[in-house]
């Protein structure tokens, strides 16, 4: 997926609440295993890395590394939270 389309998709998911606005306090990563990325909706394959964590509301979030990066930038750019480490 190209970057502009991914940014738009993640902005929409931030706006409608499908992605959290706050940083994720605890993350872990590893190879994907067929999970669905909460950022782009595509499958995270075994050859890709998955970022996973619990949001402040204790809901699980699973993202490709690239989707995680775009989410982390967009949630701050849109003014949802002051800049904090993710």
PDB file of N, CA and C in Angstrom:
ATOM      1  N   UNK A   1       0.853  -1.173   0.000  1.00  0.00           N
ATOM      2  CA  UNK A   1       0.000   0.000   0.000  1.00  0.00           C
ATOM      3  C   UNK A   1       0.900   1.237   0.000  1.00  0.00           C
ATOM      4  N   UNK A   2       0.515   2.233  -0.812  1.00  0.00           N
ATOM      5  CA  UNK A   2       1.349   3.433  -0.853  1.00  0.00           C
ATOM      6  C   UNK A   2       1.134   4.284   0.394  1.00  0.00           C
ATOM      7  N   UNK A   3       2.128   5.088   0.702  1.00  0.00           N
ATOM      8  CA  UNK A   3       2.121   5.886   1.945  1.00  0.00           C
ATOM      9  C   UNK A   3       0.914   6.826   2.057  1.00  0.00           C
ATOM     10  N   UNK A   4       0.582   7.606   1.012  1.00  0.00           N
ATOM     11  CA  UNK A   4      -0.571   8.512   1.170  1.00  0.00           C
ATOM     12  C   UNK A   4      -1.870   7.761   1.479  1.00  0.00           C
ATOM     13  N   UNK A   5      -2.091   6.636   0.816  1.00  0.00           N
ATOM     14  CA  UNK A   5      -3.310   5.860   1.072  1.00  0.00           C
ATOM     15  C   UNK A   5      -3.308   5.295   2.491  1.00  0.00           C
ATOM     16  N   UNK A   6      -2.143   4.849   2.953  1.00  0.00           N
ATOM     17  CA  UNK A   6      -2.030   4.316   4.307  1.00  0.00           C
ATOM     18  C   UNK A   6      -2.288   5.416   5.334  1.00  0.00           C
ATOM     19  N   UNK A   7      -1.732   6.599   5.113  1.00  0.00           N
ATOM     20  CA  UNK A   7      -1.961   7.722   6.028  1.00  0.00           C
ATOM     21  C   UNK A   7      -3.445   8.064   6.120  1.00  0.00           C
ATOM     22  N   UNK A   8      -4.111   8.099   4.984  1.00  0.00           N
ATOM     23  CA  UNK A   8      -5.549   8.411   4.971  1.00  0.00           C
ATOM     24  C   UNK A   8      -6.323   7.347   5.738  1.00  0.00           C
ATOM     25  N   UNK A   9      -6.013   6.082   5.486  1.00  0.00           N
ATOM     26  CA  UNK A   9      -6.704   4.991   6.166  1.00  0.00           C
ATOM     27  C   UNK A   9      -6.503   5.069   7.681  1.00  0.00           C
ATOM     28  N   UNK A  10      -5.290   5.329   8.110  1.00  0.00           N
ATOM     29  CA  UNK A  10      -5.002   5.401   9.546  1.00  0.00           C
ATOM     30  C   UNK A  10      -5.664   6.623  10.166  1.00  0.00           C
ATOM     31  N   UNK A  11      -5.685   7.751   9.458  1.00  0.00           N
ATOM     32  CA  UNK A  11      -6.399   8.935   9.956  1.00  0.00           C
ATOM     33  C   UNK A  11      -7.881   8.635  10.157  1.00  0.00           C
ATOM     34  N   UNK A  12      -8.472   7.926   9.207  1.00  0.00           N
ATOM     35  CA  UNK A  12      -9.892   7.558   9.328  1.00  0.00           C
ATOM     36  C   UNK A  12     -10.112   6.648  10.532  1.00  0.00           C
ATOM     37  N   UNK A  13      -9.216   5.707  10.745  1.00  0.00           N
ATOM     38  CA  UNK A  13      -9.363   4.778  11.869  1.00  0.00           C
ATOM     39  C   UNK A  13      -9.111   5.466  13.212  1.00  0.00           C
ATOM     40  N   UNK A  14      -8.278   6.477  13.221  1.00  0.00           N
ATOM     41  CA  UNK A  14      -8.120   7.298  14.429  1.00  0.00           C
ATOM     42  C   UNK A  14      -9.406   8.086  14.687  1.00  0.00           C
ATOM     43  N   UNK A  15      -9.954   8.665  13.633  1.00  0.00           N
ATOM     44  CA  UNK A  15     -11.146   9.508  13.771  1.00  0.00           C
ATOM     45  C   UNK A  15     -12.359   8.722  14.245  1.00  0.00           C
ATOM     46  N   UNK A  16     -12.512   7.486  13.769  1.00  0.00           N
ATOM     47  CA  UNK A  16     -13.706   6.726  14.157  1.00  0.00           C
ATOM     48  C   UNK A  16     -13.484   5.802  15.353  1.00  0.00           C
ATOM     49  N   UNK A  17     -12.277   5.861  15.948  1.00  0.00           N
ATOM     50  CA  UNK A  17     -12.024   5.110  17.174  1.00  0.00           C
ATOM     51  C   UNK A  17     -11.526   3.693  16.989  1.00  0.00           C
ATOM     52  N   UNK A  18     -11.308   3.258  15.757  1.00  0.00           N
ATOM     53  CA  UNK A  18     -10.785   1.899  15.556  1.00  0.00           C
ATOM     54  C   UNK A  18      -9.328   1.785  15.968  1.00  0.00           C
ATOM     55  N   UNK A  19      -8.608   2.915  15.982  1.00  0.00           N
ATOM     56  CA  UNK A  19      -7.232   2.953  16.485  1.00  0.00           C
ATOM     57  C   UNK A  19      -7.180   3.922  17.657  1.00  0.00           C
ATOM     58  N   UNK A  20      -6.383   3.602  18.661  1.00  0.00           N
ATOM     59  CA  UNK A  20      -6.309   4.480  19.836  1.00  0.00           C
ATOM     60  C   UNK A  20      -5.571   5.777  19.522  1.00  0.00           C
ATOM     61  N   UNK A  21      -5.929   6.815  20.255  1.00  0.00           N
ATOM     62  CA  UNK A  21      -5.290   8.123  20.097  1.00  0.00           C
ATOM     63  C   UNK A  21      -4.068   8.255  21.004  1.00  0.00           C
ATOM     64  N   UNK A  22      -4.052   7.548  22.099  1.00  0.00           N
ATOM     65  CA  UNK A  22      -2.963   7.646  23.072  1.00  0.00           C
ATOM     66  C   UNK A  22      -1.861   6.662  22.729  1.00  0.00           C
ATOM     67  N   UNK A  23      -0.679   6.948  23.291  1.00  0.00           N
ATOM     68  CA  UNK A  23       0.427   6.034  23.058  1.00  0.00           C
ATOM     69  C   UNK A  23       0.110   4.674  23.685  1.00  0.00           C
ATOM     70  N   UNK A  24       0.807   3.666  23.217  1.00  0.00           N
ATOM     71  CA  UNK A  24       0.644   2.321  23.760  1.00  0.00           C
ATOM     72  C   UNK A  24       1.799   2.114  24.745  1.00  0.00           C
ATOM     73  N   UNK A  25       1.482   1.997  26.034  1.00  0.00           N
ATOM     74  CA  UNK A  25       2.538   1.986  27.045  1.00  0.00           C
ATOM     75  C   UNK A  25       3.478   0.790  26.985  1.00  0.00           C
ATOM     76  N   UNK A  26       3.022  -0.327  26.502  1.00  0.00           N
ATOM     77  CA  UNK A  26       3.870  -1.517  26.466  1.00  0.00           C
ATOM     78  C   UNK A  26       3.657  -2.228  25.133  1.00  0.00           C
ATOM     79  N   UNK A  27       4.759  -2.427  24.407  1.00  0.00           N
ATOM     80  CA  UNK A  27       4.713  -3.060  23.087  1.00  0.00           C
ATOM     81  C   UNK A  27       5.626  -4.261  23.040  1.00  0.00           C
ATOM     82  N   UNK A  28       5.318  -5.159  22.166  1.00  0.00           N
ATOM     83  CA  UNK A  28       6.227  -6.245  21.853  1.00  0.00           C
ATOM     84  C   UNK A  28       6.089  -6.514  20.365  1.00  0.00           C
ATOM     85  N   UNK A  29       7.069  -7.181  19.815  1.00  0.00           N
ATOM     86  CA  UNK A  29       7.068  -7.449  18.386  1.00  0.00           C
ATOM     87  C   UNK A  29       7.603  -8.825  18.088  1.00  0.00           C
ATOM     88  N   UNK A  30       7.318  -9.268  16.913  1.00  0.00           N
ATOM     89  CA  UNK A  30       7.785 -10.561  16.466  1.00  0.00           C
ATOM     90  C   UNK A  30       7.238 -10.833  15.080  1.00  0.00           C
ATOM     91  N   UNK A  31       7.568 -11.983  14.536  1.00  0.00           N
ATOM     92  CA  UNK A  31       7.069 -12.311  13.204  1.00  0.00           C
ATOM     93  C   UNK A  31       5.557 -12.488  13.215  1.00  0.00           C
ATOM     94  N   UNK A  32       4.945 -12.059  12.133  1.00  0.00           N
ATOM     95  CA  UNK A  32       3.504 -12.235  12.000  1.00  0.00           C
ATOM     96  C   UNK A  32       3.138 -13.701  11.882  1.00  0.00           C
ATOM     97  N   UNK A  33       1.853 -13.966  12.080  1.00  0.00           N
ATOM     98  CA  UNK A  33       1.360 -15.331  11.979  1.00  0.00           C
ATOM     99  C   UNK A  33      -0.070 -15.320  11.441  1.00  0.00           C
ATOM    100  N   UNK A  34      -0.312 -14.448  10.461  1.00  0.00           N
ATOM    101  CA  UNK A  34      -1.627 -14.385   9.851  1.00  0.00           C
ATOM    102  C   UNK A  34      -2.592 -13.429  10.527  1.00  0.00           C
ATOM    103  N   UNK A  35      -2.096 -12.596  11.451  1.00  0.00           N
ATOM    104  CA  UNK A  35      -2.962 -11.614  12.108  1.00  0.00           C
ATOM    105  C   UNK A  35      -3.415 -10.561  11.086  1.00  0.00           C
ATOM    106  N   UNK A  36      -4.520  -9.891  11.395  1.00  0.00           N
ATOM    107  CA  UNK A  36      -4.983  -8.789  10.573  1.00  0.00           C
ATOM    108  C   UNK A  36      -4.481  -7.491  11.186  1.00  0.00           C
ATOM    109  N   UNK A  37      -3.823  -6.683  10.385  1.00  0.00           N
ATOM    110  CA  UNK A  37      -3.280  -5.414  10.842  1.00  0.00           C
ATOM    111  C   UNK A  37      -4.428  -4.437  11.096  1.00  0.00           C
ATOM    112  N   UNK A  38      -4.435  -3.835  12.282  1.00  0.00           N
ATOM    113  CA  UNK A  38      -5.468  -2.857  12.629  1.00  0.00           C
ATOM    114  C   UNK A  38      -5.277  -1.537  11.895  1.00  0.00           C
ATOM    115  N   UNK A  39      -4.112  -1.340  11.275  1.00  0.00           N
ATOM    116  CA  UNK A  39      -3.853  -0.106  10.553  1.00  0.00           C
ATOM    117  C   UNK A  39      -4.330  -0.150   9.114  1.00  0.00           C
ATOM    118  N   UNK A  40      -3.964  -1.215   8.402  1.00  0.00           N
ATOM    119  CA  UNK A  40      -4.287  -1.291   6.972  1.00  0.00           C
ATOM    120  C   UNK A  40      -5.305  -2.370   6.630  1.00  0.00           C
ATOM    121  N   UNK A  41      -5.570  -3.278   7.561  1.00  0.00           N
ATOM    122  CA  UNK A  41      -6.542  -4.340   7.306  1.00  0.00           C
ATOM    123  C   UNK A  41      -5.983  -5.535   6.563  1.00  0.00           C
ATOM    124  N   UNK A  42      -4.696  -5.494   6.217  1.00  0.00           N
ATOM    125  CA  UNK A  42      -4.087  -6.610   5.498  1.00  0.00           C
ATOM    126  C   UNK A  42      -3.484  -7.611   6.477  1.00  0.00           C
ATOM    127  N   UNK A  43      -3.197  -8.804   5.989  1.00  0.00           N
ATOM    128  CA  UNK A  43      -2.625  -9.864   6.802  1.00  0.00           C
ATOM    129  C   UNK A  43      -1.145  -9.599   7.067  1.00  0.00           C
ATOM    130  N   UNK A  44      -0.713  -9.864   8.295  1.00  0.00           N
ATOM    131  CA  UNK A  44       0.706  -9.795   8.651  1.00  0.00           C
ATOM    132  C   UNK A  44       1.258 -11.207   8.483  1.00  0.00           C
ATOM    133  N   UNK A  45       2.093 -11.380   7.491  1.00  0.00           N
ATOM    134  CA  UNK A  45       2.608 -12.710   7.164  1.00  0.00           C
ATOM    135  C   UNK A  45       3.800 -13.078   8.046  1.00  0.00           C
ATOM    136  N   UNK A  46       4.191 -14.326   7.974  1.00  0.00           N
ATOM    137  CA  UNK A  46       5.337 -14.793   8.757  1.00  0.00           C
ATOM    138  C   UNK A  46       6.626 -14.083   8.363  1.00  0.00           C
ATOM    139  N   UNK A  47       6.708 -13.577   7.154  1.00  0.00           N
ATOM    140  CA  UNK A  47       7.887 -12.853   6.703  1.00  0.00           C
ATOM    141  C   UNK A  47       7.892 -11.380   7.096  1.00  0.00           C
ATOM    142  N   UNK A  48       6.846 -10.937   7.784  1.00  0.00           N
ATOM    143  CA  UNK A  48       6.738  -9.544   8.210  1.00  0.00           C
ATOM    144  C   UNK A  48       6.756  -9.473   9.729  1.00  0.00           C
ATOM    145  N   UNK A  49       7.150  -8.307  10.229  1.00  0.00           N
ATOM    146  CA  UNK A  49       7.165  -8.100  11.677  1.00  0.00           C
ATOM    147  C   UNK A  49       5.841  -7.488  12.128  1.00  0.00           C
ATOM    148  N   UNK A  50       5.389  -7.923  13.296  1.00  0.00           N
ATOM    149  CA  UNK A  50       4.150  -7.452  13.904  1.00  0.00           C
ATOM    150  C   UNK A  50       4.487  -6.684  15.172  1.00  0.00           C
ATOM    151  N   UNK A  51       3.890  -5.515  15.332  1.00  0.00           N
ATOM    152  CA  UNK A  51       3.963  -4.752  16.578  1.00  0.00           C
ATOM    153  C   UNK A  51       2.629  -4.961  17.270  1.00  0.00           C
ATOM    154  N   UNK A  52       2.674  -5.319  18.541  1.00  0.00           N
ATOM    155  CA  UNK A  52       1.450  -5.658  19.261  1.00  0.00           C
ATOM    156  C   UNK A  52       1.496  -5.042  20.650  1.00  0.00           C
ATOM    157  N   UNK A  53       0.365  -4.608  21.130  1.00  0.00           N
ATOM    158  CA  UNK A  53       0.305  -4.035  22.464  1.00  0.00           C
ATOM    159  C   UNK A  53      -1.120  -3.827  22.913  1.00  0.00           C
ATOM    160  N   UNK A  54      -1.248  -3.344  24.137  1.00  0.00           N
ATOM    161  CA  UNK A  54      -2.553  -3.022  24.690  1.00  0.00           C
ATOM    162  C   UNK A  54      -2.655  -1.515  24.814  1.00  0.00           C
ATOM    163  N   UNK A  55      -3.744  -0.951  24.317  1.00  0.00           N
ATOM    164  CA  UNK A  55      -3.949   0.483  24.451  1.00  0.00           C
ATOM    165  C   UNK A  55      -4.357   0.790  25.890  1.00  0.00           C
ATOM    166  N   UNK A  56      -4.474   2.068  26.214  1.00  0.00           N
ATOM    167  CA  UNK A  56      -4.841   2.486  27.567  1.00  0.00           C
ATOM    168  C   UNK A  56      -6.196   1.909  27.973  1.00  0.00           C
ATOM    169  N   UNK A  57      -7.053   1.615  27.007  1.00  0.00           N
ATOM    170  CA  UNK A  57      -8.365   1.030  27.287  1.00  0.00           C
ATOM    171  C   UNK A  57      -8.303  -0.489  27.327  1.00  0.00           C
ATOM    172  N   UNK A  58      -7.097  -1.036  27.330  1.00  0.00           N
ATOM    173  CA  UNK A  58      -6.854  -2.486  27.383  1.00  0.00           C
ATOM    174  C   UNK A  58      -7.379  -3.238  26.169  1.00  0.00           C
ATOM    175  N   UNK A  59      -7.515  -2.527  25.047  1.00  0.00           N
ATOM    176  CA  UNK A  59      -7.883  -3.242  23.826  1.00  0.00           C
ATOM    177  C   UNK A  59      -6.612  -3.550  23.050  1.00  0.00           C
ATOM    178  N   UNK A  60      -6.534  -4.731  22.498  1.00  0.00           N
ATOM    179  CA  UNK A  60      -5.353  -5.152  21.776  1.00  0.00           C
ATOM    180  C   UNK A  60      -5.219  -4.434  20.449  1.00  0.00           C
ATOM    181  N   UNK A  61      -3.985  -4.127  20.072  1.00  0.00           N
ATOM    182  CA  UNK A  61      -3.684  -3.473  18.809  1.00  0.00           C
ATOM    183  C   UNK A  61      -2.559  -4.257  18.145  1.00  0.00           C
ATOM    184  N   UNK A  62      -2.758  -4.595  16.865  1.00  0.00           N
ATOM    185  CA  UNK A  62      -1.762  -5.331  16.100  1.00  0.00           C
ATOM    186  C   UNK A  62      -1.507  -4.579  14.805  1.00  0.00           C
ATOM    187  N   UNK A  63      -0.246  -4.264  14.541  1.00  0.00           N
ATOM    188  CA  UNK A  63       0.102  -3.453  13.377  1.00  0.00           C
ATOM    189  C   UNK A  63       1.379  -3.943  12.708  1.00  0.00           C
ATOM    190  N   UNK A  64       1.424  -3.836  11.370  1.00  0.00           N
ATOM    191  CA  UNK A  64       2.702  -3.967  10.681  1.00  0.00           C
ATOM    192  C   UNK A  64       3.625  -2.887  11.242  1.00  0.00           C
ATOM    193  N   UNK A  65       4.924  -3.077  11.142  1.00  0.00           N
ATOM    194  CA  UNK A  65       5.867  -2.068  11.624  1.00  0.00           C
ATOM    195  C   UNK A  65       5.632  -0.740  10.897  1.00  0.00           C
ATOM    196  N   UNK A  66       5.449  -0.756   9.587  1.00  0.00           N
ATOM    197  CA  UNK A  66       5.217   0.480   8.831  1.00  0.00           C
ATOM    198  C   UNK A  66       3.911   1.144   9.256  1.00  0.00           C
ATOM    199  N   UNK A  67       2.885   0.360   9.494  1.00  0.00           N
ATOM    200  CA  UNK A  67       1.592   0.906   9.929  1.00  0.00           C
ATOM    201  C   UNK A  67       1.713   1.495  11.329  1.00  0.00           C
ATOM    202  N   UNK A  68       2.485   0.840  12.186  1.00  0.00           N
ATOM    203  CA  UNK A  68       2.716   1.364  13.531  1.00  0.00           C
ATOM    204  C   UNK A  68       3.376   2.732  13.446  1.00  0.00           C
ATOM    205  N   UNK A  69       4.380   2.860  12.596  1.00  0.00           N
ATOM    206  CA  UNK A  69       5.076   4.140  12.468  1.00  0.00           C
ATOM    207  C   UNK A  69       4.121   5.239  11.994  1.00  0.00           C
ATOM    208  N   UNK A  70       3.336   4.955  10.976  1.00  0.00           N
ATOM    209  CA  UNK A  70       2.383   5.955  10.470  1.00  0.00           C
ATOM    210  C   UNK A  70       1.369   6.296  11.549  1.00  0.00           C
ATOM    211  N   UNK A  71       0.839   5.298  12.253  1.00  0.00           N
ATOM    212  CA  UNK A  71      -0.110   5.551  13.344  1.00  0.00           C
ATOM    213  C   UNK A  71       0.522   6.453  14.407  1.00  0.00           C
ATOM    214  N   UNK A  72       1.752   6.154  14.803  1.00  0.00           N
ATOM    215  CA  UNK A  72       2.409   6.913  15.863  1.00  0.00           C
ATOM    216  C   UNK A  72       2.606   8.371  15.457  1.00  0.00           C
ATOM    217  N   UNK A  73       2.957   8.617  14.203  1.00  0.00           N
ATOM    218  CA  UNK A  73       3.122   9.988  13.720  1.00  0.00           C
ATOM    219  C   UNK A  73       1.763  10.678  13.620  1.00  0.00           C
ATOM    220  N   UNK A  74       0.794  10.025  13.011  1.00  0.00           N
ATOM    221  CA  UNK A  74      -0.512  10.645  12.769  1.00  0.00           C
ATOM    222  C   UNK A  74      -1.266  10.961  14.053  1.00  0.00           C
ATOM    223  N   UNK A  75      -1.185  10.113  15.040  1.00  0.00           N
ATOM    224  CA  UNK A  75      -1.920  10.380  16.282  1.00  0.00           C
ATOM    225  C   UNK A  75      -1.380  11.626  16.963  1.00  0.00           C
ATOM    226  N   UNK A  76      -0.106  11.933  16.774  1.00  0.00           N
ATOM    227  CA  UNK A  76       0.504  13.124  17.364  1.00  0.00           C
ATOM    228  C   UNK A  76       0.272  14.354  16.487  1.00  0.00           C
ATOM    229  N   UNK A  77       0.385  14.200  15.178  1.00  0.00           N
ATOM    230  CA  UNK A  77       0.180  15.315  14.250  1.00  0.00           C
ATOM    231  C   UNK A  77      -1.243  15.836  14.356  1.00  0.00           C
ATOM    232  N   UNK A  78      -2.180  14.946  14.533  1.00  0.00           N
ATOM    233  CA  UNK A  78      -3.581  15.344  14.599  1.00  0.00           C
ATOM    234  C   UNK A  78      -3.945  15.970  15.936  1.00  0.00           C
ATOM    235  N   UNK A  79      -2.975  16.081  16.845  1.00  0.00           N
ATOM    236  CA  UNK A  79      -3.206  16.768  18.101  1.00  0.00           C
ATOM    237  C   UNK A  79      -3.951  15.967  19.141  1.00  0.00           C
ATOM    238  N   UNK A  80      -3.933  14.652  19.008  1.00  0.00           N
ATOM    239  CA  UNK A  80      -4.642  13.819  19.976  1.00  0.00           C
ATOM    240  C   UNK A  80      -3.894  13.693  21.287  1.00  0.00           C
ATOM    241  N   UNK A  81      -2.600  13.891  21.245  1.00  0.00           N
ATOM    242  CA  UNK A  81      -1.801  13.697  22.450  1.00  0.00           C
ATOM    243  C   UNK A  81      -0.477  14.430  22.284  1.00  0.00           C
ATOM    244  N   UNK A  82       0.048  15.002  23.330  1.00  0.00           N
ATOM    245  CA  UNK A  82       1.386  15.584  23.225  1.00  0.00           C
ATOM    246  C   UNK A  82       2.395  14.496  22.866  1.00  0.00           C
ATOM    247  N   UNK A  83       3.463  14.883  22.260  1.00  0.00           N
ATOM    248  CA  UNK A  83       4.477  13.938  21.842  1.00  0.00           C
ATOM    249  C   UNK A  83       5.025  13.160  23.025  1.00  0.00           C
ATOM    250  N   UNK A  84       4.909  11.843  22.951  1.00  0.00           N
ATOM    251  CA  UNK A  84       5.441  10.944  23.965  1.00  0.00           C
ATOM    252  C   UNK A  84       6.028   9.745  23.248  1.00  0.00           C
ATOM    253  N   UNK A  85       6.950   9.064  23.869  1.00  0.00           N
ATOM    254  CA  UNK A  85       7.431   7.836  23.236  1.00  0.00           C
ATOM    255  C   UNK A  85       6.326   6.805  23.190  1.00  0.00           C
ATOM    256  N   UNK A  86       6.325   6.026  22.138  1.00  0.00           N
ATOM    257  CA  UNK A  86       5.269   5.014  21.988  1.00  0.00           C
ATOM    258  C   UNK A  86       5.667   3.693  22.561  1.00  0.00           C
TER     259      UNK A  86
END
